[in-house]
PDB file of all heavy atoms in Angstrom:
ATOM      1  N   MET A   1      77.789  76.858  97.897  1.00  0.00           N
ATOM      2  CA  MET A   1      77.000  77.452  98.942  1.00  0.00           C
ATOM      3  C   MET A   1      76.920  78.963  98.674  1.00  0.00           C
ATOM      4  O   MET A   1      77.900  79.594  98.318  1.00  0.00           O
ATOM      5  CB  MET A   1      77.647  77.179 100.303  1.00  0.00           C
ATOM      6  CG  MET A   1      76.898  77.837 101.416  1.00  0.00           C
ATOM      7  SD  MET A   1      77.441  77.368 103.042  1.00  0.00           S
ATOM      8  CE  MET A   1      78.889  78.315 103.245  1.00  0.00           C
ATOM      9  N   VAL A   2      75.712  79.499  98.848  1.00  0.00           N
ATOM     10  CA  VAL A   2      75.481  80.938  98.686  1.00  0.00           C
ATOM     11  C   VAL A   2      74.845  81.428  99.965  1.00  0.00           C
ATOM     12  O   VAL A   2      73.887  80.848 100.465  1.00  0.00           O
ATOM     13  CB  VAL A   2      74.543  81.222  97.486  1.00  0.00           C
ATOM     14  CG1 VAL A   2      74.248  82.701  97.395  1.00  0.00           C
ATOM     15  CG2 VAL A   2      75.134  80.706  96.194  1.00  0.00           C
ATOM     16  N   ARG A   3      75.405  82.531 100.501  1.00  0.00           N
ATOM     17  CA  ARG A   3      74.872  83.108 101.725  1.00  0.00           C
ATOM     18  C   ARG A   3      74.626  84.589 101.445  1.00  0.00           C
ATOM     19  O   ARG A   3      75.493  85.289 100.943  1.00  0.00           O
ATOM     20  CB  ARG A   3      75.857  82.956 102.859  1.00  0.00           C
ATOM     21  CG  ARG A   3      75.360  83.510 104.177  1.00  0.00           C
ATOM     22  CD  ARG A   3      76.393  83.351 105.245  1.00  0.00           C
ATOM     23  NE  ARG A   3      76.688  81.933 105.394  1.00  0.00           N
ATOM     24  CZ  ARG A   3      76.807  81.316 106.541  1.00  0.00           C
ATOM     25  NH1 ARG A   3      76.678  81.988 107.649  1.00  0.00           N
ATOM     26  NH2 ARG A   3      77.082  80.047 106.611  1.00  0.00           N
ATOM     27  N   ALA A   4      73.416  85.040 101.784  1.00  0.00           N
ATOM     28  CA  ALA A   4      73.077  86.451 101.610  1.00  0.00           C
ATOM     29  C   ALA A   4      72.329  86.908 102.845  1.00  0.00           C
ATOM     30  O   ALA A   4      71.536  86.154 103.419  1.00  0.00           O
ATOM     31  CB  ALA A   4      72.212  86.639 100.375  1.00  0.00           C
ATOM     32  N   GLY A   5      72.611  88.139 103.302  1.00  0.00           N
ATOM     33  CA  GLY A   5      71.935  88.621 104.487  1.00  0.00           C
ATOM     34  C   GLY A   5      71.937  90.128 104.551  1.00  0.00           C
ATOM     35  O   GLY A   5      72.672  90.796 103.832  1.00  0.00           O
ATOM     36  N   ASN A   6      71.077  90.633 105.425  1.00  0.00           N
ATOM     37  CA  ASN A   6      71.028  92.067 105.701  1.00  0.00           C
ATOM     38  C   ASN A   6      70.329  92.278 107.041  1.00  0.00           C
ATOM     39  O   ASN A   6      69.855  91.326 107.658  1.00  0.00           O
ATOM     40  CB  ASN A   6      70.345  92.833 104.568  1.00  0.00           C
ATOM     41  CG  ASN A   6      68.911  92.407 104.362  1.00  0.00           C
ATOM     42  OD1 ASN A   6      68.413  91.532 105.055  1.00  0.00           O
ATOM     43  ND2 ASN A   6      68.256  93.021 103.409  1.00  0.00           N
ATOM     44  N   ARG A   7      70.253  93.539 107.465  1.00  0.00           N
ATOM     45  CA  ARG A   7      69.556  93.809 108.720  1.00  0.00           C
ATOM     46  C   ARG A   7      68.074  93.534 108.515  1.00  0.00           C
ATOM     47  O   ARG A   7      67.497  93.894 107.498  1.00  0.00           O
ATOM     48  CB  ARG A   7      69.739  95.265 109.126  1.00  0.00           C
ATOM     49  CG  ARG A   7      71.081  95.543 109.726  1.00  0.00           C
ATOM     50  CD  ARG A   7      71.093  96.903 110.385  1.00  0.00           C
ATOM     51  NE  ARG A   7      70.343  97.872 109.575  1.00  0.00           N
ATOM     52  CZ  ARG A   7      70.782  99.059 109.266  1.00  0.00           C
ATOM     53  NH1 ARG A   7      71.940  99.484 109.701  1.00  0.00           N
ATOM     54  NH2 ARG A   7      70.070  99.875 108.543  1.00  0.00           N
ATOM     55  N   ALA A   8      67.495  92.909 109.509  1.00  0.00           N
ATOM     56  CA  ALA A   8      66.072  92.589 109.432  1.00  0.00           C
ATOM     57  C   ALA A   8      65.270  93.840 109.748  1.00  0.00           C
ATOM     58  O   ALA A   8      65.687  94.686 110.543  1.00  0.00           O
ATOM     59  CB  ALA A   8      65.722  91.468 110.404  1.00  0.00           C
ATOM     60  N   ALA A   9      64.112  93.950 109.145  1.00  0.00           N
ATOM     61  CA  ALA A   9      63.212  95.062 109.439  1.00  0.00           C
ATOM     62  C   ALA A   9      62.714  94.915 110.863  1.00  0.00           C
ATOM     63  O   ALA A   9      62.627  93.809 111.399  1.00  0.00           O
ATOM     64  CB  ALA A   9      62.043  95.055 108.466  1.00  0.00           C
ATOM     65  N   ALA A  10      62.365  96.033 111.490  1.00  0.00           N
ATOM     66  CA  ALA A  10      61.894  95.996 112.869  1.00  0.00           C
ATOM     67  C   ALA A  10      60.638  95.143 112.976  1.00  0.00           C
ATOM     68  O   ALA A  10      60.426  94.450 113.966  1.00  0.00           O
ATOM     69  CB  ALA A  10      61.621  97.414 113.364  1.00  0.00           C
ATOM     70  N   GLU A  11      59.828  95.183 111.970  1.00  0.00           N
ATOM     71  CA  GLU A  11      58.585  94.431 111.985  1.00  0.00           C
ATOM     72  C   GLU A  11      58.408  93.786 110.617  1.00  0.00           C
ATOM     73  O   GLU A  11      58.499  94.440 109.585  1.00  0.00           O
ATOM     74  CB  GLU A  11      57.436  95.415 112.247  1.00  0.00           C
ATOM     75  CG  GLU A  11      56.178  94.772 112.728  1.00  0.00           C
ATOM     76  CD  GLU A  11      55.152  95.847 113.058  1.00  0.00           C
ATOM     77  OE1 GLU A  11      55.395  96.622 114.004  1.00  0.00           O
ATOM     78  OE2 GLU A  11      54.148  95.910 112.361  1.00  0.00           O
ATOM     79  N   ALA A  12      58.164  92.487 110.565  1.00  0.00           N
ATOM     80  CA  ALA A  12      57.966  91.792 109.289  1.00  0.00           C
ATOM     81  C   ALA A  12      56.627  92.203 108.697  1.00  0.00           C
ATOM     82  O   ALA A  12      55.619  92.226 109.391  1.00  0.00           O
ATOM     83  CB  ALA A  12      58.019  90.285 109.509  1.00  0.00           C
ATOM     84  N   VAL A  13      56.646  92.551 107.446  1.00  0.00           N
ATOM     85  CA  VAL A  13      55.431  92.971 106.760  1.00  0.00           C
ATOM     86  C   VAL A  13      55.170  91.988 105.624  1.00  0.00           C
ATOM     87  O   VAL A  13      56.025  91.785 104.767  1.00  0.00           O
ATOM     88  CB  VAL A  13      55.585  94.405 106.183  1.00  0.00           C
ATOM     89  CG1 VAL A  13      54.349  94.809 105.423  1.00  0.00           C
ATOM     90  CG2 VAL A  13      55.911  95.383 107.286  1.00  0.00           C
ATOM     91  N   ALA A  14      54.007  91.363 105.647  1.00  0.00           N
ATOM     92  CA  ALA A  14      53.639  90.443 104.567  1.00  0.00           C
ATOM     93  C   ALA A  14      53.114  91.266 103.390  1.00  0.00           C
ATOM     94  O   ALA A  14      52.286  92.149 103.572  1.00  0.00           O
ATOM     95  CB  ALA A  14      52.584  89.467 105.050  1.00  0.00           C
ATOM     96  N   ARG A  15      53.648  90.980 102.217  1.00  0.00           N
ATOM     97  CA  ARG A  15      53.196  91.677 101.010  1.00  0.00           C
ATOM     98  C   ARG A  15      52.315  90.733 100.200  1.00  0.00           C
ATOM     99  O   ARG A  15      52.734  89.628  99.867  1.00  0.00           O
ATOM    100  CB  ARG A  15      54.385  92.106 100.161  1.00  0.00           C
ATOM    101  CG  ARG A  15      55.230  93.143 100.847  1.00  0.00           C
ATOM    102  CD  ARG A  15      56.350  93.556  99.981  1.00  0.00           C
ATOM    103  NE  ARG A  15      56.901  92.376  99.300  1.00  0.00           N
ATOM    104  CZ  ARG A  15      58.087  92.305  98.773  1.00  0.00           C
ATOM    105  NH1 ARG A  15      58.874  93.335  98.809  1.00  0.00           N
ATOM    106  NH2 ARG A  15      58.498  91.215  98.183  1.00  0.00           N
ATOM    107  N   PRO A  16      51.123  91.159  99.854  1.00  0.00           N
ATOM    108  CA  PRO A  16      50.238  90.292  99.067  1.00  0.00           C
ATOM    109  C   PRO A  16      50.879  89.996  97.702  1.00  0.00           C
ATOM    110  O   PRO A  16      51.414  90.886  97.049  1.00  0.00           O
ATOM    111  CB  PRO A  16      48.961  91.092  98.900  1.00  0.00           C
ATOM    112  CG  PRO A  16      49.113  92.330  99.707  1.00  0.00           C
ATOM    113  CD  PRO A  16      50.524  92.424 100.179  1.00  0.00           C
ATOM    114  N   GLY A  17      50.844  88.746  97.311  1.00  0.00           N
ATOM    115  CA  GLY A  17      51.360  88.354  96.000  1.00  0.00           C
ATOM    116  C   GLY A  17      52.851  88.144  95.960  1.00  0.00           C
ATOM    117  O   GLY A  17      53.391  87.716  94.950  1.00  0.00           O
ATOM    118  N   ALA A  18      53.589  88.442  97.026  1.00  0.00           N
ATOM    119  CA  ALA A  18      55.039  88.264  97.033  1.00  0.00           C
ATOM    120  C   ALA A  18      55.348  86.774  97.136  1.00  0.00           C
ATOM    121  O   ALA A  18      54.783  86.061  97.953  1.00  0.00           O
ATOM    122  CB  ALA A  18      55.660  89.015  98.195  1.00  0.00           C
ATOM    123  N   SER A  19      56.244  86.295  96.291  1.00  0.00           N
ATOM    124  CA  SER A  19      56.587  84.870  96.320  1.00  0.00           C
ATOM    125  C   SER A  19      58.067  84.670  96.060  1.00  0.00           C
ATOM    126  O   SER A  19      58.476  83.600  95.646  1.00  0.00           O
ATOM    127  CB  SER A  19      55.755  84.121  95.279  1.00  0.00           C
ATOM    128  OG  SER A  19      56.082  84.594  93.989  1.00  0.00           O
ATOM    129  N   GLY A  20      58.863  85.672  96.316  1.00  0.00           N
ATOM    130  CA  GLY A  20      60.289  85.607  96.011  1.00  0.00           C
ATOM    131  C   GLY A  20      61.011  84.482  96.714  1.00  0.00           C
ATOM    132  O   GLY A  20      61.699  83.675  96.089  1.00  0.00           O
ATOM    133  N   LEU A  21      60.868  84.382  98.041  1.00  0.00           N
ATOM    134  CA  LEU A  21      61.571  83.332  98.786  1.00  0.00           C
ATOM    135  C   LEU A  21      61.032  81.952  98.424  1.00  0.00           C
ATOM    136  O   LEU A  21      61.797  80.998  98.275  1.00  0.00           O
ATOM    137  CB  LEU A  21      61.460  83.565 100.294  1.00  0.00           C
ATOM    138  CG  LEU A  21      62.275  84.743 100.833  1.00  0.00           C
ATOM    139  CD1 LEU A  21      62.006  84.939 102.314  1.00  0.00           C
ATOM    140  CD2 LEU A  21      63.755  84.539 100.576  1.00  0.00           C
ATOM    141  N   GLU A  22      59.731  81.837  98.261  1.00  0.00           N
ATOM    142  CA  GLU A  22      59.154  80.538  97.917  1.00  0.00           C
ATOM    143  C   GLU A  22      59.607  80.116  96.524  1.00  0.00           C
ATOM    144  O   GLU A  22      59.953  78.952  96.297  1.00  0.00           O
ATOM    145  CB  GLU A  22      57.624  80.597  97.980  1.00  0.00           C
ATOM    146  CG  GLU A  22      56.955  79.259  97.764  1.00  0.00           C
ATOM    147  CD  GLU A  22      57.408  78.185  98.751  1.00  0.00           C
ATOM    148  OE1 GLU A  22      57.652  78.492  99.937  1.00  0.00           O
ATOM    149  OE2 GLU A  22      57.531  77.030  98.326  1.00  0.00           O
ATOM    150  N   ALA A  23      59.635  81.021  95.579  1.00  0.00           N
ATOM    151  CA  ALA A  23      60.111  80.692  94.233  1.00  0.00           C
ATOM    152  C   ALA A  23      61.587  80.319  94.256  1.00  0.00           C
ATOM    153  O   ALA A  23      62.016  79.363  93.588  1.00  0.00           O
ATOM    154  CB  ALA A  23      59.880  81.873  93.286  1.00  0.00           C
ATOM    155  N   LEU A  24      62.376  81.032  95.069  1.00  0.00           N
ATOM    156  CA  LEU A  24      63.797  80.714  95.194  1.00  0.00           C
ATOM    157  C   LEU A  24      63.980  79.327  95.812  1.00  0.00           C
ATOM    158  O   LEU A  24      64.790  78.526  95.360  1.00  0.00           O
ATOM    159  CB  LEU A  24      64.500  81.790  96.036  1.00  0.00           C
ATOM    160  CG  LEU A  24      66.009  81.623  96.216  1.00  0.00           C
ATOM    161  CD1 LEU A  24      66.713  81.625  94.863  1.00  0.00           C
ATOM    162  CD2 LEU A  24      66.548  82.724  97.111  1.00  0.00           C
ATOM    163  N   ARG A  25      63.196  79.007  96.833  1.00  0.00           N
ATOM    164  CA  ARG A  25      63.274  77.694  97.477  1.00  0.00           C
ATOM    165  C   ARG A  25      62.947  76.597  96.445  1.00  0.00           C
ATOM    166  O   ARG A  25      63.621  75.571  96.385  1.00  0.00           O
ATOM    167  CB  ARG A  25      62.306  77.602  98.660  1.00  0.00           C
ATOM    168  CG  ARG A  25      62.377  76.254  99.400  1.00  0.00           C
ATOM    169  CD  ARG A  25      61.406  76.179 100.565  1.00  0.00           C
ATOM    170  NE  ARG A  25      61.532  77.251 101.528  1.00  0.00           N
ATOM    171  CZ  ARG A  25      62.437  77.298 102.520  1.00  0.00           C
ATOM    172  NH1 ARG A  25      63.316  76.336 102.655  1.00  0.00           N
ATOM    173  NH2 ARG A  25      62.467  78.323 103.346  1.00  0.00           N
ATOM    174  N   GLN A  26      61.937  76.790  95.629  1.00  0.00           N
ATOM    175  CA  GLN A  26      61.570  75.785  94.618  1.00  0.00           C
ATOM    176  C   GLN A  26      62.710  75.577  93.619  1.00  0.00           C
ATOM    177  O   GLN A  26      62.997  74.442  93.238  1.00  0.00           O
ATOM    178  CB  GLN A  26      60.297  76.199  93.882  1.00  0.00           C
ATOM    179  CG  GLN A  26      59.052  76.074  94.717  1.00  0.00           C
ATOM    180  CD  GLN A  26      57.820  76.620  94.007  1.00  0.00           C
ATOM    181  OE1 GLN A  26      57.888  77.044  92.865  1.00  0.00           O
ATOM    182  NE2 GLN A  26      56.692  76.604  94.715  1.00  0.00           N
ATOM    183  N   LEU A  27      63.365  76.636  93.205  1.00  0.00           N
ATOM    184  CA  LEU A  27      64.494  76.514  92.278  1.00  0.00           C
ATOM    185  C   LEU A  27      65.653  75.754  92.906  1.00  0.00           C
ATOM    186  O   LEU A  27      66.227  74.847  92.306  1.00  0.00           O
ATOM    187  CB  LEU A  27      64.974  77.895  91.820  1.00  0.00           C
ATOM    188  CG  LEU A  27      64.119  78.596  90.772  1.00  0.00           C
ATOM    189  CD1 LEU A  27      64.615  80.020  90.564  1.00  0.00           C
ATOM    190  CD2 LEU A  27      64.142  77.841  89.464  1.00  0.00           C
ATOM    191  N   VAL A  28      66.001  76.125  94.150  1.00  0.00           N
ATOM    192  CA  VAL A  28      67.131  75.486  94.834  1.00  0.00           C
ATOM    193  C   VAL A  28      66.828  74.008  95.072  1.00  0.00           C
ATOM    194  O   VAL A  28      67.635  73.130  94.760  1.00  0.00           O
ATOM    195  CB  VAL A  28      67.464  76.222  96.147  1.00  0.00           C
ATOM    196  CG1 VAL A  28      68.457  75.437  96.983  1.00  0.00           C
ATOM    197  CG2 VAL A  28      67.996  77.615  95.847  1.00  0.00           C
ATOM    198  N   GLU A  29      65.664  73.706  95.626  1.00  0.00           N
ATOM    199  CA  GLU A  29      65.321  72.320  95.918  1.00  0.00           C
ATOM    200  C   GLU A  29      65.112  71.517  94.635  1.00  0.00           C
ATOM    201  O   GLU A  29      65.406  70.329  94.581  1.00  0.00           O
ATOM    202  CB  GLU A  29      64.093  72.256  96.820  1.00  0.00           C
ATOM    203  CG  GLU A  29      64.392  72.750  98.223  1.00  0.00           C
ATOM    204  CD  GLU A  29      63.162  72.805  99.132  1.00  0.00           C
ATOM    205  OE1 GLU A  29      62.033  72.525  98.662  1.00  0.00           O
ATOM    206  OE2 GLU A  29      63.351  73.143 100.317  1.00  0.00           O
ATOM    207  N   GLY A  30      64.637  72.161  93.585  1.00  0.00           N
ATOM    208  CA  GLY A  30      64.463  71.482  92.300  1.00  0.00           C
ATOM    209  C   GLY A  30      65.786  71.066  91.682  1.00  0.00           C
ATOM    210  O   GLY A  30      65.846  70.153  90.862  1.00  0.00           O
ATOM    211  N   SER A  31      66.861  71.718  92.063  1.00  0.00           N
ATOM    212  CA  SER A  31      68.186  71.355  91.545  1.00  0.00           C
ATOM    213  C   SER A  31      68.923  70.415  92.498  1.00  0.00           C
ATOM    214  O   SER A  31      70.102  70.142  92.318  1.00  0.00           O
ATOM    215  CB  SER A  31      69.018  72.609  91.291  1.00  0.00           C
ATOM    216  OG  SER A  31      69.298  73.248  92.518  1.00  0.00           O
ATOM    217  N   GLY A  32      68.219  69.949  93.544  1.00  0.00           N
ATOM    218  CA  GLY A  32      68.835  69.020  94.477  1.00  0.00           C
ATOM    219  C   GLY A  32      69.510  69.695  95.649  1.00  0.00           C
ATOM    220  O   GLY A  32      70.239  69.045  96.401  1.00  0.00           O
ATOM    221  N   GLY A  33      69.285  70.959  95.851  1.00  0.00           N
ATOM    222  CA  GLY A  33      69.928  71.679  96.947  1.00  0.00           C
ATOM    223  C   GLY A  33      69.002  71.885  98.124  1.00  0.00           C
ATOM    224  O   GLY A  33      67.884  71.381  98.160  1.00  0.00           O
ATOM    225  N   THR A  34      69.497  72.670  99.083  1.00  0.00           N
ATOM    226  CA  THR A  34      68.700  72.998 100.269  1.00  0.00           C
ATOM    227  C   THR A  34      68.772  74.490 100.512  1.00  0.00           C
ATOM    228  O   THR A  34      69.713  75.164 100.077  1.00  0.00           O
ATOM    229  CB  THR A  34      69.226  72.256 101.517  1.00  0.00           C
ATOM    230  OG1 THR A  34      70.575  72.660 101.756  1.00  0.00           O
ATOM    231  CG2 THR A  34      69.136  70.752 101.349  1.00  0.00           C
ATOM    232  N   MET A  35      67.780  74.997 101.257  1.00  0.00           N
ATOM    233  CA  MET A  35      67.757  76.429 101.543  1.00  0.00           C
ATOM    234  C   MET A  35      67.235  76.647 102.956  1.00  0.00           C
ATOM    235  O   MET A  35      66.286  76.000 103.383  1.00  0.00           O
ATOM    236  CB  MET A  35      66.844  77.149 100.543  1.00  0.00           C
ATOM    237  CG  MET A  35      66.842  78.651 100.719  1.00  0.00           C
ATOM    238  SD  MET A  35      65.941  79.452  99.388  1.00  0.00           S
ATOM    239  CE  MET A  35      64.734  80.336 100.327  1.00  0.00           C
TER     240      MET A  35
END
């Protein structure tokens, strides 16, 4: 199990082209894990 966290920004800002969390989710789920 891996846990990572930090203070959340006051307002969520969507960045065009950003896919970090989605790419991470695909890697974790592709190995049989959950996120």
